[in-house]
Amino acid sequence: MKDANVLSTGLPLLLIAVTLAVVAFVVYRRRESAALTRDAELARTLRDVADGDPVRLAAIEEFETTVYERLFYAGVVGPKLRSAAFSLLGLALSLGLAVSLAPLDGFTASTAKIVAAVLAVVFGIATLVFAAWAVYHLVSTPRVSFVESYDDEDEQ
C-alpha cells in the first residue's frame, strides 16, 4: 500500500520538479545569452560614441573584455550544459515511465517497459557524455584573459 502512495504522489512531484528545474536552467541560459548579445552591441555603440577619447576608450575596452570573457564561456561550455540538462530530463522522464509501468502485465506493458528502459539507458549515456564534454571544455579550453597584458604595462 505504501508503494502505491509513493508511486502515485512522490514520482509525479519529482518529475515535475526535475522538469521545472531543467526548464528554468535553459531559460536562464537563454536570458544570459541575450544579455551578452545586447552587451556586445552596446560595446560597439559606445566605441563609436567615444570618438577617440582615450579615457572613454579605456573604459569601453574594460567592458568589452568582461563581455568577451563571458561570451567565450557561453559559446563553448553553455551549449553542452544545456544538452546535458535536456538529457537529464529525458532520463528522469523515461525512468519515471519505467517505474510507473513496472506493476503492469501483458505484452503491451512489457513492450512499453522495454522501450522505457532503452530510453533511460540512452538518455543516461547522453547525460554522462554531455556532462563530461562540458567539464572537458571547462578545464581544457584556454581562457580569454588580458591580465598578463595589464601586468606587462604596469611593470614598464
Protein backbone atom coordinates (compact mmCIF):
# COMPACT_ATOMS: atom_id res chain seq x y z
CA MET A 1 0.00 0.00 0.00
CA LYS A 2 2.84 2.42 0.80
CA ASP A 3 4.48 1.70 -2.54
CA ALA A 4 1.32 2.74 -4.36
CA ASN A 5 1.18 6.01 -2.40
CA VAL A 6 4.82 6.80 -3.17
CA LEU A 7 4.28 5.97 -6.82
CA SER A 8 1.09 7.99 -7.11
CA THR A 9 2.26 11.11 -5.25
CA GLY A 10 6.04 11.19 -4.98
CA LEU A 11 7.04 10.23 -8.51
CA PRO A 12 4.88 12.80 -10.33
CA LEU A 13 6.08 15.52 -7.97
CA LEU A 14 9.69 14.52 -8.56
CA LEU A 15 9.20 14.53 -12.33
CA ILE A 16 7.52 17.93 -12.19
CA ALA A 17 10.37 19.29 -10.07
CA VAL A 18 13.03 17.95 -12.46
CA THR A 19 11.15 19.33 -15.47
CA LEU A 20 10.78 22.76 -13.88
CA ALA A 21 14.44 22.82 -12.86
CA VAL A 22 15.63 21.97 -16.39
CA VAL A 23 13.28 24.49 -17.99
CA ALA A 24 14.38 27.19 -15.51
CA PHE A 25 18.04 26.43 -16.25
CA VAL A 26 17.52 26.64 -20.02
CA VAL A 27 15.54 29.88 -19.70
CA TYR A 28 18.31 31.34 -17.52
CA ARG A 29 20.97 30.37 -20.09
CA ARG A 30 18.92 31.92 -22.92
CA ARG A 31 18.49 35.16 -20.99
CA GLU A 32 22.22 35.24 -20.30
CA SER A 33 22.96 34.74 -24.00
CA ALA A 34 20.54 37.54 -24.92
CA ALA A 35 22.13 39.85 -22.34
CA LEU A 36 25.59 39.08 -23.72
CA THR A 37 24.43 39.87 -27.23
CA ARG A 38 22.99 43.19 -26.04
CA ASP A 39 26.21 43.97 -24.16
CA ALA A 40 28.33 43.25 -27.24
CA GLU A 41 26.13 45.58 -29.30
CA LEU A 42 26.34 48.22 -26.56
CA ALA A 43 30.13 47.98 -26.58
CA ARG A 44 30.19 48.61 -30.35
CA THR A 45 27.86 51.58 -29.96
CA LEU A 46 29.89 53.04 -27.10
CA ARG A 47 33.09 52.68 -29.11
CA ASP A 48 31.51 54.74 -31.90
CA VAL A 49 30.33 57.36 -29.42
CA ALA A 50 33.72 57.58 -27.64
CA ASP A 51 35.10 59.40 -30.66
CA GLY A 52 38.74 58.66 -29.87
CA ASP A 53 38.72 59.88 -26.24
CA PRO A 54 41.39 57.72 -24.54
CA VAL A 55 39.66 57.63 -21.13
CA ARG A 56 36.35 56.56 -22.60
CA LEU A 57 38.04 54.04 -24.87
CA ALA A 58 39.85 52.53 -21.87
CA ALA A 59 36.56 52.12 -20.01
CA ILE A 60 34.94 50.60 -23.09
CA GLU A 61 37.85 48.18 -23.50
CA GLU A 62 37.40 47.04 -19.89
CA PHE A 63 33.70 46.48 -20.55
CA GLU A 64 34.43 44.63 -23.80
CA THR A 65 36.93 42.39 -22.03
CA THR A 66 34.37 41.23 -19.47
CA VAL A 67 31.75 40.74 -22.19
CA TYR A 68 34.09 38.68 -24.38
CA GLU A 69 35.20 36.51 -21.46
CA ARG A 70 31.54 35.77 -20.67
CA LEU A 71 30.75 35.21 -24.37
CA PHE A 72 33.58 32.70 -24.58
CA TYR A 73 32.14 30.66 -21.72
CA ALA A 74 28.56 30.95 -23.00
CA GLY A 75 29.59 29.91 -26.50
CA VAL A 76 31.77 26.93 -25.62
CA VAL A 77 30.52 25.43 -22.35
CA GLY A 78 26.92 26.65 -22.28
CA PRO A 79 25.53 24.53 -25.15
CA LYS A 80 27.00 21.37 -23.65
CA LEU A 81 25.45 22.16 -20.28
CA ARG A 82 22.06 22.73 -21.92
CA SER A 83 22.36 19.41 -23.74
CA ALA A 84 23.28 17.66 -20.50
CA ALA A 85 20.26 19.24 -18.80
CA PHE A 86 17.88 18.10 -21.55
CA SER A 87 19.39 14.61 -21.48
CA LEU A 88 18.90 14.54 -17.71
CA LEU A 89 15.25 15.49 -18.23
CA GLY A 90 14.85 12.68 -20.76
CA LEU A 91 16.46 10.27 -18.30
CA ALA A 92 14.15 11.31 -15.48
CA LEU A 93 11.03 11.06 -17.64
CA SER A 94 11.96 7.67 -19.09
CA LEU A 95 12.82 6.32 -15.62
CA GLY A 96 9.51 7.67 -14.35
CA LEU A 97 7.70 5.90 -17.17
CA ALA A 98 9.55 2.66 -16.45
CA VAL A 99 8.70 2.84 -12.75
CA SER A 100 5.07 3.67 -13.48
CA LEU A 101 4.74 0.71 -15.84
CA ALA A 102 6.52 -1.76 -13.55
CA PRO A 103 3.39 -3.19 -11.87
CA LEU A 104 1.57 -3.77 -15.18
CA ASP A 105 1.50 -7.11 -17.01
CA GLY A 106 0.84 -8.04 -20.61
CA PHE A 107 2.52 -7.76 -23.98
CA THR A 108 1.90 -4.03 -24.45
CA ALA A 109 3.07 -3.21 -20.93
CA SER A 110 6.18 -5.35 -21.35
CA THR A 111 6.99 -3.68 -24.65
CA ALA A 112 6.49 -0.24 -23.12
CA LYS A 113 8.75 -1.20 -20.18
CA ILE A 114 11.48 -2.32 -22.57
CA VAL A 115 11.20 0.89 -24.60
CA ALA A 116 11.31 2.98 -21.41
CA ALA A 117 14.36 1.07 -20.18
CA VAL A 118 16.17 1.53 -23.50
CA LEU A 119 15.34 5.24 -23.47
CA ALA A 120 16.62 5.50 -19.90
CA VAL A 121 19.92 3.90 -20.90
CA VAL A 122 20.28 6.14 -23.97
CA PHE A 123 19.46 9.32 -22.04
CA GLY A 124 21.72 8.24 -19.17
CA ILE A 125 24.66 7.77 -21.54
CA ALA A 126 23.88 11.08 -23.27
CA THR A 127 23.77 12.88 -19.91
CA LEU A 128 27.15 11.49 -18.95
CA VAL A 129 28.68 12.28 -22.35
CA PHE A 130 27.43 15.88 -22.44
CA ALA A 131 28.41 16.50 -18.82
CA ALA A 132 31.89 15.07 -19.41
CA TRP A 133 32.23 17.12 -22.60
CA ALA A 134 31.27 20.30 -20.72
CA VAL A 135 33.76 19.56 -17.94
CA TYR A 136 36.44 18.80 -20.52
CA HIS A 137 35.91 22.15 -22.25
CA LEU A 138 35.67 23.94 -18.94
CA VAL A 139 39.02 22.55 -17.85
CA SER A 140 40.99 22.33 -21.09
CA THR A 141 39.90 25.23 -23.27
CA PRO A 142 42.14 28.26 -22.87
CA ARG A 143 40.55 31.29 -21.29
CA VAL A 144 40.40 34.70 -22.87
CA SER A 145 42.25 36.85 -20.38
CA PHE A 146 44.04 40.14 -20.58
CA VAL A 147 45.57 40.04 -17.11
CA GLU A 148 49.05 39.36 -18.48
CA SER A 149 48.89 42.37 -20.78
CA TYR A 150 47.90 44.60 -17.85
CA ASP A 151 50.76 43.22 -15.75
CA ASP A 152 53.27 43.96 -18.52
CA GLU A 153 52.06 47.56 -18.82
CA ASP A 154 52.36 48.14 -15.07
CA GLU A 155 55.92 46.77 -14.91
CA GLN A 156 57.29 49.05 -17.65
